[in-house]
Amino acid sequence: METLAKQDRSKERINKIIDAAINIVEDGEIDDLTLAKVAEKSGLKRTSTYKFIPTVDFLKKLIISKCINECLENFSKNILSDSDKGDLIKVTNYIIYNIYEYFFYSSIAQKLILSNTINPPLDSDSIHQLGNVIQETYEESISLDNVFNKEGVCRVVAQIILSIFSLNTKESGKLNDIGKIEASRAVVAYMTSWIKR
């Protein structure tokens, strides 16, 4: 029982650290993120912060993972209508809308993922998770039976969307409808080339 209590306290502290880091970046810039500032903002001692979070890069990875999980949860909030099923363009727009909606309203995701590099700094697990949700969404509505390596194709779709959103964010200072439209055009063209083989 004591071990569970320690684990719960550890999770609480890590969440407190992550929340403090998110607040720092949302109120400023990525470069403002230091473990000393996070310790101060979270109300934890520096030694406790360093115990759980050894580096700023490790902390960024935790925040990115949290962002991707929140983005995936967005798919369960929005339902694809039956009338849209079977239509590649409508299903693609539904997928892009769900990802776009999350990133549009999440300044931390825009700053940490989209504004960071031309290829978003996501680990392969995050791309796999996003690709799996994209694949499930397509397969609920459209036959992917003729698509070789469906998993790989859907991971590429995830990368296309995030790369276009990233470029849009850098060029415009914030994600906007141009990114959504261009992502849709690119993904529809890419998926059409696979489905028509």
N, C-alpha and C. Protein backbone atom coordinates (compact mmCIF):
# COMPACT_ATOMS: atom_id res chain seq x y z
N MET A 1 0.82 -1.19 0.00
CA MET A 1 0.00 0.00 0.00
C MET A 1 0.86 1.26 0.00
N GLU A 2 1.97 1.21 0.77
CA GLU A 2 2.86 2.37 0.84
C GLU A 2 3.51 2.65 -0.52
N THR A 3 3.83 1.59 -1.28
CA THR A 3 4.42 1.75 -2.61
C THR A 3 3.46 2.46 -3.55
N LEU A 4 2.17 2.08 -3.50
CA LEU A 4 1.18 2.74 -4.35
C LEU A 4 1.05 4.22 -4.01
N ALA A 5 1.10 4.52 -2.73
CA ALA A 5 1.01 5.92 -2.31
C ALA A 5 2.20 6.71 -2.83
N LYS A 6 3.40 6.12 -2.80
CA LYS A 6 4.58 6.79 -3.32
C LYS A 6 4.47 7.00 -4.83
N GLN A 7 3.94 5.97 -5.51
CA GLN A 7 3.77 6.07 -6.96
C GLN A 7 2.77 7.18 -7.30
N ASP A 8 1.69 7.25 -6.55
CA ASP A 8 0.70 8.30 -6.77
C ASP A 8 1.29 9.69 -6.54
N ARG A 9 2.08 9.81 -5.47
CA ARG A 9 2.73 11.10 -5.18
C ARG A 9 3.73 11.45 -6.29
N SER A 10 4.44 10.46 -6.78
CA SER A 10 5.40 10.70 -7.88
C SER A 10 4.67 11.16 -9.13
N LYS A 11 3.56 10.50 -9.47
CA LYS A 11 2.77 10.92 -10.64
C LYS A 11 2.25 12.33 -10.47
N GLU A 12 1.78 12.65 -9.27
CA GLU A 12 1.28 14.01 -8.99
C GLU A 12 2.38 15.04 -9.20
N ARG A 13 3.58 14.73 -8.71
CA ARG A 13 4.69 15.67 -8.86
C ARG A 13 5.08 15.84 -10.32
N ILE A 14 5.13 14.73 -11.04
CA ILE A 14 5.48 14.81 -12.47
C ILE A 14 4.42 15.64 -13.21
N ASN A 15 3.16 15.41 -12.93
CA ASN A 15 2.10 16.19 -13.57
C ASN A 15 2.20 17.67 -13.19
N LYS A 16 2.56 17.95 -11.95
CA LYS A 16 2.73 19.32 -11.50
C LYS A 16 3.89 19.99 -12.27
N ILE A 17 4.95 19.23 -12.48
CA ILE A 17 6.11 19.73 -13.23
C ILE A 17 5.72 20.00 -14.68
N ILE A 18 5.01 19.05 -15.29
CA ILE A 18 4.58 19.21 -16.68
C ILE A 18 3.66 20.42 -16.81
N ASP A 19 2.71 20.56 -15.91
CA ASP A 19 1.79 21.70 -15.96
C ASP A 19 2.53 23.03 -15.80
N ALA A 20 3.51 23.06 -14.90
CA ALA A 20 4.30 24.28 -14.71
C ALA A 20 5.09 24.60 -15.98
N ALA A 21 5.66 23.58 -16.60
CA ALA A 21 6.43 23.78 -17.84
C ALA A 21 5.53 24.30 -18.96
N ILE A 22 4.35 23.73 -19.07
CA ILE A 22 3.40 24.18 -20.09
C ILE A 22 3.04 25.65 -19.86
N ASN A 23 2.79 26.03 -18.62
CA ASN A 23 2.47 27.43 -18.32
C ASN A 23 3.61 28.37 -18.69
N ILE A 24 4.83 27.94 -18.43
CA ILE A 24 6.00 28.77 -18.75
C ILE A 24 6.09 29.01 -20.26
N VAL A 25 5.93 27.94 -21.04
CA VAL A 25 6.03 28.06 -22.50
C VAL A 25 4.84 28.82 -23.07
N GLU A 26 3.65 28.56 -22.55
CA GLU A 26 2.47 29.27 -23.06
C GLU A 26 2.56 30.77 -22.78
N ASP A 27 3.14 31.13 -21.63
CA ASP A 27 3.28 32.55 -21.28
C ASP A 27 4.49 33.21 -21.94
N GLY A 28 5.39 32.40 -22.49
CA GLY A 28 6.60 32.94 -23.09
C GLY A 28 6.99 32.17 -24.34
N GLU A 29 8.22 31.68 -24.33
CA GLU A 29 8.76 30.95 -25.47
C GLU A 29 9.39 29.64 -24.99
N ILE A 30 9.71 28.79 -25.92
CA ILE A 30 10.33 27.51 -25.59
C ILE A 30 11.66 27.72 -24.87
N ASP A 31 12.40 28.74 -25.30
CA ASP A 31 13.71 29.02 -24.69
C ASP A 31 13.60 29.45 -23.23
N ASP A 32 12.41 29.84 -22.79
CA ASP A 32 12.20 30.22 -21.39
C ASP A 32 12.17 29.01 -20.46
N LEU A 33 12.09 27.83 -21.04
CA LEU A 33 11.93 26.61 -20.26
C LEU A 33 13.27 26.15 -19.68
N THR A 34 13.41 26.26 -18.36
CA THR A 34 14.56 25.72 -17.64
C THR A 34 14.03 24.94 -16.45
N LEU A 35 14.82 23.99 -15.99
CA LEU A 35 14.36 23.20 -14.84
C LEU A 35 14.28 24.06 -13.58
N ALA A 36 15.12 25.07 -13.48
CA ALA A 36 15.06 25.97 -12.32
C ALA A 36 13.73 26.72 -12.30
N LYS A 37 13.32 27.24 -13.48
CA LYS A 37 12.04 27.95 -13.56
C LYS A 37 10.87 27.01 -13.30
N VAL A 38 10.98 25.79 -13.80
CA VAL A 38 9.91 24.80 -13.61
C VAL A 38 9.78 24.47 -12.13
N ALA A 39 10.92 24.28 -11.46
CA ALA A 39 10.88 23.99 -10.02
C ALA A 39 10.21 25.12 -9.27
N GLU A 40 10.58 26.34 -9.60
CA GLU A 40 10.00 27.51 -8.93
C GLU A 40 8.50 27.60 -9.19
N LYS A 41 8.10 27.47 -10.46
CA LYS A 41 6.69 27.60 -10.84
C LYS A 41 5.83 26.48 -10.25
N SER A 42 6.41 25.27 -10.15
CA SER A 42 5.65 24.12 -9.63
C SER A 42 5.58 24.11 -8.11
N GLY A 43 6.45 24.88 -7.48
CA GLY A 43 6.48 24.90 -6.02
C GLY A 43 7.25 23.72 -5.42
N LEU A 44 7.95 22.99 -6.27
CA LEU A 44 8.76 21.86 -5.80
C LEU A 44 10.21 22.30 -5.63
N LYS A 45 10.93 21.58 -4.80
CA LYS A 45 12.35 21.86 -4.65
C LYS A 45 13.07 21.45 -5.94
N ARG A 46 14.18 22.12 -6.19
CA ARG A 46 14.96 21.78 -7.39
C ARG A 46 15.38 20.31 -7.37
N THR A 47 15.77 19.82 -6.21
CA THR A 47 16.22 18.42 -6.14
C THR A 47 15.10 17.45 -6.52
N SER A 48 13.89 17.76 -6.11
CA SER A 48 12.74 16.92 -6.49
C SER A 48 12.49 16.99 -7.98
N THR A 49 12.60 18.18 -8.53
CA THR A 49 12.38 18.35 -9.97
C THR A 49 13.42 17.55 -10.75
N TYR A 50 14.69 17.69 -10.38
CA TYR A 50 15.75 16.97 -11.08
C TYR A 50 15.64 15.45 -10.88
N LYS A 51 15.08 15.05 -9.78
CA LYS A 51 14.90 13.61 -9.53
C LYS A 51 13.95 13.00 -10.57
N PHE A 52 12.90 13.71 -10.90
CA PHE A 52 11.90 13.19 -11.83
C PHE A 52 12.20 13.57 -13.28
N ILE A 53 12.79 14.73 -13.48
CA ILE A 53 13.03 15.27 -14.82
C ILE A 53 14.51 15.63 -14.93
N PRO A 54 15.30 14.74 -15.52
CA PRO A 54 16.75 14.99 -15.55
C PRO A 54 17.20 16.11 -16.49
N THR A 55 16.44 16.34 -17.58
CA THR A 55 16.84 17.37 -18.54
C THR A 55 15.60 18.06 -19.11
N VAL A 56 15.83 19.23 -19.69
CA VAL A 56 14.75 19.96 -20.35
C VAL A 56 14.24 19.17 -21.56
N ASP A 57 15.15 18.52 -22.29
CA ASP A 57 14.72 17.71 -23.44
C ASP A 57 13.81 16.57 -23.02
N PHE A 58 14.10 15.95 -21.90
CA PHE A 58 13.24 14.89 -21.37
C PHE A 58 11.85 15.46 -21.05
N LEU A 59 11.84 16.63 -20.45
CA LEU A 59 10.57 17.30 -20.12
C LEU A 59 9.78 17.63 -21.38
N LYS A 60 10.46 18.10 -22.41
CA LYS A 60 9.80 18.39 -23.69
C LYS A 60 9.16 17.13 -24.26
N LYS A 61 9.86 16.01 -24.17
CA LYS A 61 9.31 14.75 -24.68
C LYS A 61 8.04 14.37 -23.93
N LEU A 62 8.02 14.59 -22.62
CA LEU A 62 6.81 14.29 -21.83
C LEU A 62 5.65 15.20 -22.26
N ILE A 63 5.95 16.46 -22.49
CA ILE A 63 4.90 17.39 -22.91
C ILE A 63 4.39 17.02 -24.30
N ILE A 64 5.29 16.69 -25.21
CA ILE A 64 4.89 16.28 -26.56
C ILE A 64 4.01 15.04 -26.49
N SER A 65 4.38 14.09 -25.67
CA SER A 65 3.57 12.88 -25.50
C SER A 65 2.18 13.23 -24.99
N LYS A 66 2.11 14.14 -24.04
CA LYS A 66 0.81 14.59 -23.52
C LYS A 66 0.00 15.26 -24.62
N CYS A 67 0.64 16.08 -25.43
CA CYS A 67 -0.07 16.75 -26.54
C CYS A 67 -0.63 15.74 -27.52
N ILE A 68 0.16 14.74 -27.89
CA ILE A 68 -0.30 13.74 -28.86
C ILE A 68 -1.48 12.96 -28.28
N ASN A 69 -1.40 12.60 -27.01
CA ASN A 69 -2.52 11.88 -26.39
C ASN A 69 -3.79 12.74 -26.39
N GLU A 70 -3.65 14.03 -26.11
CA GLU A 70 -4.81 14.93 -26.14
C GLU A 70 -5.36 15.05 -27.56
N CYS A 71 -4.48 15.10 -28.55
CA CYS A 71 -4.90 15.17 -29.95
C CYS A 71 -5.69 13.92 -30.33
N LEU A 72 -5.21 12.76 -29.89
CA LEU A 72 -5.91 11.50 -30.20
C LEU A 72 -7.28 11.46 -29.53
N GLU A 73 -7.38 12.02 -28.32
CA GLU A 73 -8.67 12.07 -27.62
C GLU A 73 -9.67 12.91 -28.39
N ASN A 74 -9.19 13.87 -29.16
CA ASN A 74 -10.06 14.75 -29.93
C ASN A 74 -10.90 13.96 -30.94
N PHE A 75 -10.36 12.84 -31.44
CA PHE A 75 -11.10 12.03 -32.40
C PHE A 75 -12.37 11.45 -31.77
N SER A 76 -12.33 11.16 -30.48
CA SER A 76 -13.51 10.57 -29.84
C SER A 76 -14.59 11.63 -29.56
N LYS A 77 -14.23 12.90 -29.63
CA LYS A 77 -15.19 13.97 -29.38
C LYS A 77 -16.01 14.32 -30.63
N ASN A 78 -15.45 14.06 -31.79
CA ASN A 78 -16.09 14.41 -33.05
C ASN A 78 -16.42 13.12 -33.80
N ILE A 79 -17.65 12.98 -34.23
CA ILE A 79 -18.12 11.76 -34.89
C ILE A 79 -18.23 12.00 -36.39
N LEU A 80 -17.71 11.05 -37.16
CA LEU A 80 -17.86 11.10 -38.61
C LEU A 80 -19.28 10.70 -38.96
N SER A 81 -19.98 11.52 -39.71
CA SER A 81 -21.37 11.22 -40.04
C SER A 81 -21.44 10.06 -41.02
N ASP A 82 -22.52 9.30 -40.94
CA ASP A 82 -22.71 8.16 -41.83
C ASP A 82 -22.72 8.59 -43.29
N SER A 83 -23.23 9.76 -43.58
CA SER A 83 -23.29 10.23 -44.96
C SER A 83 -21.90 10.55 -45.53
N ASP A 84 -20.93 10.79 -44.65
CA ASP A 84 -19.56 11.09 -45.10
C ASP A 84 -18.72 9.83 -45.30
N LYS A 85 -19.16 8.72 -44.72
CA LYS A 85 -18.40 7.47 -44.83
C LYS A 85 -18.37 7.02 -46.28
N GLY A 86 -17.23 6.53 -46.69
CA GLY A 86 -17.06 6.05 -48.05
C GLY A 86 -16.55 7.10 -49.01
N ASP A 87 -16.50 8.35 -48.58
CA ASP A 87 -16.03 9.44 -49.42
C ASP A 87 -14.62 9.83 -48.95
N LEU A 88 -13.61 9.55 -49.78
CA LEU A 88 -12.22 9.78 -49.41
C LEU A 88 -11.97 11.22 -48.97
N ILE A 89 -12.50 12.17 -49.70
CA ILE A 89 -12.26 13.58 -49.37
C ILE A 89 -12.90 13.94 -48.03
N LYS A 90 -14.12 13.49 -47.80
CA LYS A 90 -14.80 13.82 -46.54
C LYS A 90 -14.14 13.13 -45.34
N VAL A 91 -13.71 11.90 -45.52
CA VAL A 91 -13.02 11.19 -44.43
C VAL A 91 -11.68 11.85 -44.15
N THR A 92 -10.96 12.21 -45.20
CA THR A 92 -9.67 12.90 -45.03
C THR A 92 -9.88 14.23 -44.33
N ASN A 93 -10.88 14.99 -44.73
CA ASN A 93 -11.16 16.28 -44.08
C ASN A 93 -11.53 16.09 -42.61
N TYR A 94 -12.24 15.02 -42.31
CA TYR A 94 -12.59 14.70 -40.91
C TYR A 94 -11.31 14.45 -40.10
N ILE A 95 -10.40 13.67 -40.65
CA ILE A 95 -9.13 13.37 -39.97
C ILE A 95 -8.35 14.66 -39.75
N ILE A 96 -8.21 15.43 -40.80
CA ILE A 96 -7.45 16.68 -40.72
C ILE A 96 -8.12 17.65 -39.76
N TYR A 97 -9.44 17.74 -39.79
CA TYR A 97 -10.16 18.63 -38.88
C TYR A 97 -9.85 18.28 -37.42
N ASN A 98 -9.85 17.00 -37.08
CA ASN A 98 -9.59 16.59 -35.70
C ASN A 98 -8.19 16.98 -35.25
N ILE A 99 -7.22 16.78 -36.12
CA ILE A 99 -5.84 17.14 -35.77
C ILE A 99 -5.71 18.67 -35.74
N TYR A 100 -6.26 19.32 -36.74
CA TYR A 100 -6.21 20.78 -36.83
C TYR A 100 -6.85 21.43 -35.60
N GLU A 101 -8.04 20.96 -35.25
CA GLU A 101 -8.76 21.56 -34.13
C GLU A 101 -7.93 21.51 -32.85
N TYR A 102 -7.28 20.37 -32.61
CA TYR A 102 -6.46 20.27 -31.40
C TYR A 102 -5.31 21.28 -31.46
N PHE A 103 -4.55 21.25 -32.56
CA PHE A 103 -3.38 22.12 -32.65
C PHE A 103 -3.76 23.59 -32.68
N PHE A 104 -4.87 23.94 -33.32
CA PHE A 104 -5.31 25.33 -33.41
C PHE A 104 -5.54 25.92 -32.02
N TYR A 105 -6.13 25.16 -31.13
CA TYR A 105 -6.47 25.66 -29.79
C TYR A 105 -5.40 25.37 -28.74
N SER A 106 -4.33 24.67 -29.11
CA SER A 106 -3.28 24.35 -28.15
C SER A 106 -2.00 25.12 -28.48
N SER A 107 -1.78 26.21 -27.74
CA SER A 107 -0.58 27.01 -28.02
C SER A 107 0.69 26.23 -27.68
N ILE A 108 0.64 25.37 -26.68
CA ILE A 108 1.83 24.59 -26.33
C ILE A 108 2.17 23.63 -27.48
N ALA A 109 1.17 23.01 -28.09
CA ALA A 109 1.42 22.09 -29.20
C ALA A 109 1.96 22.86 -30.40
N GLN A 110 1.43 24.05 -30.65
CA GLN A 110 1.95 24.85 -31.76
C GLN A 110 3.39 25.26 -31.52
N LYS A 111 3.67 25.72 -30.30
CA LYS A 111 5.04 26.19 -30.01
C LYS A 111 6.04 25.04 -29.95
N LEU A 112 5.67 23.95 -29.32
CA LEU A 112 6.64 22.89 -29.07
C LEU A 112 6.75 21.91 -30.24
N ILE A 113 5.66 21.65 -30.94
CA ILE A 113 5.70 20.66 -32.01
C ILE A 113 5.76 21.33 -33.38
N LEU A 114 4.85 22.23 -33.68
CA LEU A 114 4.77 22.79 -35.02
C LEU A 114 5.82 23.85 -35.31
N SER A 115 6.14 24.68 -34.34
CA SER A 115 7.10 25.77 -34.58
C SER A 115 8.54 25.33 -34.43
N ASN A 116 8.75 24.14 -33.92
CA ASN A 116 10.10 23.70 -33.57
C ASN A 116 10.98 23.41 -34.78
N THR A 117 10.53 22.54 -35.67
CA THR A 117 11.32 22.16 -36.85
C THR A 117 10.38 21.87 -37.99
N ILE A 118 10.94 21.75 -39.21
CA ILE A 118 10.09 21.45 -40.36
C ILE A 118 9.47 20.06 -40.23
N ASN A 119 10.20 19.12 -39.68
CA ASN A 119 9.65 17.82 -39.36
C ASN A 119 9.43 17.81 -37.86
N PRO A 120 8.21 17.77 -37.42
CA PRO A 120 7.94 17.87 -35.99
C PRO A 120 8.75 16.85 -35.18
N PRO A 121 9.18 17.26 -34.00
CA PRO A 121 10.07 16.44 -33.18
C PRO A 121 9.31 15.35 -32.43
N LEU A 122 8.65 14.49 -33.16
CA LEU A 122 7.89 13.43 -32.52
C LEU A 122 8.66 12.13 -32.59
N ASP A 123 8.58 11.37 -31.52
CA ASP A 123 9.21 10.05 -31.56
C ASP A 123 8.33 9.10 -32.37
N SER A 124 8.89 7.95 -32.69
CA SER A 124 8.17 7.03 -33.57
C SER A 124 6.90 6.50 -32.91
N ASP A 125 6.86 6.38 -31.60
CA ASP A 125 5.64 5.92 -30.92
C ASP A 125 4.48 6.89 -31.16
N SER A 126 4.76 8.18 -31.10
CA SER A 126 3.72 9.18 -31.32
C SER A 126 3.20 9.12 -32.75
N ILE A 127 4.10 8.99 -33.70
CA ILE A 127 3.68 8.87 -35.11
C ILE A 127 2.88 7.59 -35.31
N HIS A 128 3.31 6.50 -34.68
CA HIS A 128 2.57 5.23 -34.78
C HIS A 128 1.16 5.38 -34.21
N GLN A 129 1.03 6.03 -33.05
CA GLN A 129 -0.28 6.23 -32.44
C GLN A 129 -1.20 7.04 -33.35
N LEU A 130 -0.68 8.13 -33.86
CA LEU A 130 -1.47 8.98 -34.74
C LEU A 130 -1.81 8.23 -36.03
N GLY A 131 -0.83 7.52 -36.59
CA GLY A 131 -1.07 6.72 -37.79
C GLY A 131 -2.12 5.65 -37.58
N ASN A 132 -2.12 5.02 -36.39
CA ASN A 132 -3.12 3.99 -36.08
C ASN A 132 -4.53 4.56 -36.04
N VAL A 133 -4.69 5.74 -35.45
CA VAL A 133 -6.01 6.38 -35.40
C VAL A 133 -6.46 6.78 -36.80
N ILE A 134 -5.54 7.27 -37.59
CA ILE A 134 -5.86 7.63 -38.98
C ILE A 134 -6.29 6.38 -39.75
N GLN A 135 -5.54 5.30 -39.59
CA GLN A 135 -5.88 4.04 -40.28
C GLN A 135 -7.25 3.53 -39.86
N GLU A 136 -7.51 3.52 -38.55
CA GLU A 136 -8.82 3.06 -38.05
C GLU A 136 -9.94 3.92 -38.64
N THR A 137 -9.71 5.22 -38.71
CA THR A 137 -10.73 6.13 -39.24
C THR A 137 -11.00 5.84 -40.71
N TYR A 138 -9.94 5.68 -41.48
CA TYR A 138 -10.13 5.35 -42.89
C TYR A 138 -10.84 4.01 -43.05
N GLU A 139 -10.39 3.00 -42.30
CA GLU A 139 -10.93 1.65 -42.48
C GLU A 139 -12.39 1.53 -42.04
N GLU A 140 -12.86 2.43 -41.19
CA GLU A 140 -14.28 2.43 -40.81
C GLU A 140 -15.14 2.89 -41.98
N SER A 141 -14.54 3.58 -42.94
CA SER A 141 -15.31 4.23 -43.99
C SER A 141 -14.93 3.84 -45.42
N ILE A 142 -13.68 3.49 -45.61
CA ILE A 142 -13.17 3.25 -46.96
C ILE A 142 -12.36 1.96 -46.95
N SER A 143 -12.47 1.18 -48.00
CA SER A 143 -11.70 -0.04 -48.11
C SER A 143 -10.24 0.28 -48.41
N LEU A 144 -9.37 -0.21 -47.57
CA LEU A 144 -7.94 -0.06 -47.81
C LEU A 144 -7.32 -1.41 -48.19
N ASP A 145 -8.18 -2.33 -48.66
CA ASP A 145 -7.71 -3.68 -48.99
C ASP A 145 -6.61 -3.69 -50.04
N ASN A 146 -6.66 -2.78 -50.99
CA ASN A 146 -5.66 -2.75 -52.06
C ASN A 146 -4.41 -1.96 -51.70
N VAL A 147 -4.37 -1.40 -50.51
CA VAL A 147 -3.24 -0.57 -50.10
C VAL A 147 -2.17 -1.47 -49.47
N PHE A 148 -1.00 -1.48 -50.08
CA PHE A 148 0.13 -2.22 -49.53
C PHE A 148 0.69 -1.43 -48.34
N ASN A 149 0.98 -2.11 -47.26
CA ASN A 149 1.56 -1.50 -46.05
C ASN A 149 0.69 -0.34 -45.54
N LYS A 150 -0.56 -0.65 -45.21
CA LYS A 150 -1.52 0.35 -44.73
C LYS A 150 -0.98 1.15 -43.55
N GLU A 151 -0.31 0.44 -42.64
CA GLU A 151 0.21 1.11 -41.44
C GLU A 151 1.22 2.19 -41.84
N GLY A 152 2.12 1.82 -42.75
CA GLY A 152 3.13 2.78 -43.20
C GLY A 152 2.52 3.95 -43.94
N VAL A 153 1.54 3.67 -44.78
CA VAL A 153 0.86 4.72 -45.54
C VAL A 153 0.20 5.70 -44.58
N CYS A 154 -0.45 5.20 -43.54
CA CYS A 154 -1.14 6.09 -42.59
C CYS A 154 -0.16 6.86 -41.72
N ARG A 155 1.01 6.28 -41.45
CA ARG A 155 2.04 7.05 -40.73
C ARG A 155 2.55 8.20 -41.62
N VAL A 156 2.68 7.93 -42.91
CA VAL A 156 3.08 9.00 -43.84
C VAL A 156 2.01 10.09 -43.86
N VAL A 157 0.74 9.71 -43.85
CA VAL A 157 -0.35 10.70 -43.80
C VAL A 157 -0.19 11.57 -42.56
N ALA A 158 0.09 10.97 -41.42
CA ALA A 158 0.30 11.74 -40.19
C ALA A 158 1.45 12.73 -40.37
N GLN A 159 2.54 12.28 -40.96
CA GLN A 159 3.69 13.16 -41.18
C GLN A 159 3.37 14.29 -42.16
N ILE A 160 2.62 13.97 -43.22
CA ILE A 160 2.23 15.00 -44.18
C ILE A 160 1.42 16.10 -43.48
N ILE A 161 0.43 15.68 -42.71
CA ILE A 161 -0.42 16.65 -42.01
C ILE A 161 0.40 17.53 -41.08
N LEU A 162 1.20 16.90 -40.24
CA LEU A 162 1.98 17.66 -39.25
C LEU A 162 3.03 18.54 -39.92
N SER A 163 3.64 18.06 -40.99
CA SER A 163 4.64 18.87 -41.69
C SER A 163 4.01 20.11 -42.33
N ILE A 164 2.85 19.93 -42.94
CA ILE A 164 2.17 21.09 -43.54
C ILE A 164 1.69 22.05 -42.46
N PHE A 165 1.15 21.53 -41.37
CA PHE A 165 0.75 22.40 -40.26
C PHE A 165 1.96 23.15 -39.72
N SER A 166 3.10 22.47 -39.63
CA SER A 166 4.32 23.08 -39.12
C SER A 166 4.76 24.23 -40.02
N LEU A 167 4.78 24.00 -41.32
CA LEU A 167 5.17 25.04 -42.26
C LEU A 167 4.20 26.22 -42.20
N ASN A 168 2.90 25.92 -42.12
CA ASN A 168 1.89 26.97 -42.02
C ASN A 168 2.08 27.82 -40.76
N THR A 169 2.36 27.16 -39.65
CA THR A 169 2.56 27.86 -38.38
C THR A 169 3.78 28.77 -38.45
N LYS A 170 4.86 28.28 -39.06
CA LYS A 170 6.07 29.10 -39.17
C LYS A 170 5.86 30.29 -40.10
N GLU A 171 5.17 30.07 -41.20
CA GLU A 171 4.98 31.16 -42.16
C GLU A 171 3.96 32.19 -41.68
N SER A 172 2.96 31.76 -40.96
CA SER A 172 1.87 32.67 -40.56
C SER A 172 1.96 33.10 -39.10
N GLY A 173 2.84 32.48 -38.34
CA GLY A 173 2.93 32.80 -36.92
C GLY A 173 1.94 32.03 -36.07
N LYS A 174 0.95 31.41 -36.72
CA LYS A 174 -0.07 30.63 -36.03
C LYS A 174 -0.75 29.75 -37.06
N LEU A 175 -1.19 28.60 -36.66
CA LEU A 175 -1.89 27.69 -37.55
C LEU A 175 -3.19 28.34 -38.01
N ASN A 176 -3.49 28.21 -39.32
CA ASN A 176 -4.72 28.79 -39.83
C ASN A 176 -5.34 27.88 -40.90
N ASP A 177 -6.42 28.34 -41.51
CA ASP A 177 -7.16 27.52 -42.49
C ASP A 177 -6.33 27.15 -43.71
N ILE A 178 -5.35 27.95 -44.07
CA ILE A 178 -4.51 27.60 -45.22
C ILE A 178 -3.82 26.27 -44.97
N GLY A 179 -3.32 26.07 -43.76
CA GLY A 179 -2.68 24.80 -43.41
C GLY A 179 -3.65 23.64 -43.53
N LYS A 180 -4.87 23.86 -43.08
CA LYS A 180 -5.89 22.80 -43.15
C LYS A 180 -6.21 22.46 -44.60
N ILE A 181 -6.37 23.46 -45.44
CA ILE A 181 -6.71 23.25 -46.85
C ILE A 181 -5.57 22.54 -47.57
N GLU A 182 -4.35 23.00 -47.36
CA GLU A 182 -3.19 22.39 -48.04
C GLU A 182 -2.94 20.97 -47.56
N ALA A 183 -3.15 20.71 -46.27
CA ALA A 183 -3.00 19.34 -45.76
C ALA A 183 -4.04 18.43 -46.41
N SER A 184 -5.24 18.91 -46.55
CA SER A 184 -6.30 18.12 -47.17
C SER A 184 -5.94 17.79 -48.62
N ARG A 185 -5.49 18.79 -49.37
CA ARG A 185 -5.13 18.56 -50.77
C ARG A 185 -4.01 17.53 -50.88
N ALA A 186 -2.99 17.66 -50.06
CA ALA A 186 -1.84 16.75 -50.13
C ALA A 186 -2.23 15.33 -49.74
N VAL A 187 -3.01 15.19 -48.66
CA VAL A 187 -3.38 13.84 -48.20
C VAL A 187 -4.34 13.18 -49.18
N VAL A 188 -5.31 13.92 -49.72
CA VAL A 188 -6.23 13.33 -50.70
C VAL A 188 -5.45 12.84 -51.91
N ALA A 189 -4.51 13.64 -52.40
CA ALA A 189 -3.70 13.23 -53.56
C ALA A 189 -2.89 11.98 -53.23
N TYR A 190 -2.28 11.97 -52.05
CA TYR A 190 -1.46 10.82 -51.63
C TYR A 190 -2.32 9.56 -51.48
N MET A 191 -3.43 9.67 -50.78
CA MET A 191 -4.31 8.51 -50.57
C MET A 191 -4.94 8.03 -51.88
N THR A 192 -5.30 8.95 -52.74
CA THR A 192 -5.88 8.57 -54.04
C THR A 192 -4.89 7.72 -54.82
N SER A 193 -3.61 8.10 -54.76
CA SER A 193 -2.61 7.32 -55.49
C SER A 193 -2.49 5.89 -54.97
N TRP A 194 -2.74 5.69 -53.68
CA TRP A 194 -2.68 4.35 -53.09
C TRP A 194 -3.96 3.56 -53.36
N ILE A 195 -5.10 4.20 -53.22
CA ILE A 195 -6.37 3.51 -53.34
C ILE A 195 -6.63 3.08 -54.79
N LYS A 196 -6.17 3.86 -55.73
CA LYS A 196 -6.43 3.55 -57.15
C LYS A 196 -5.44 2.57 -57.75
N ARG A 197 -4.53 2.03 -57.01
CA ARG A 197 -3.54 1.08 -57.54
C ARG A 197 -4.16 -0.24 -57.82
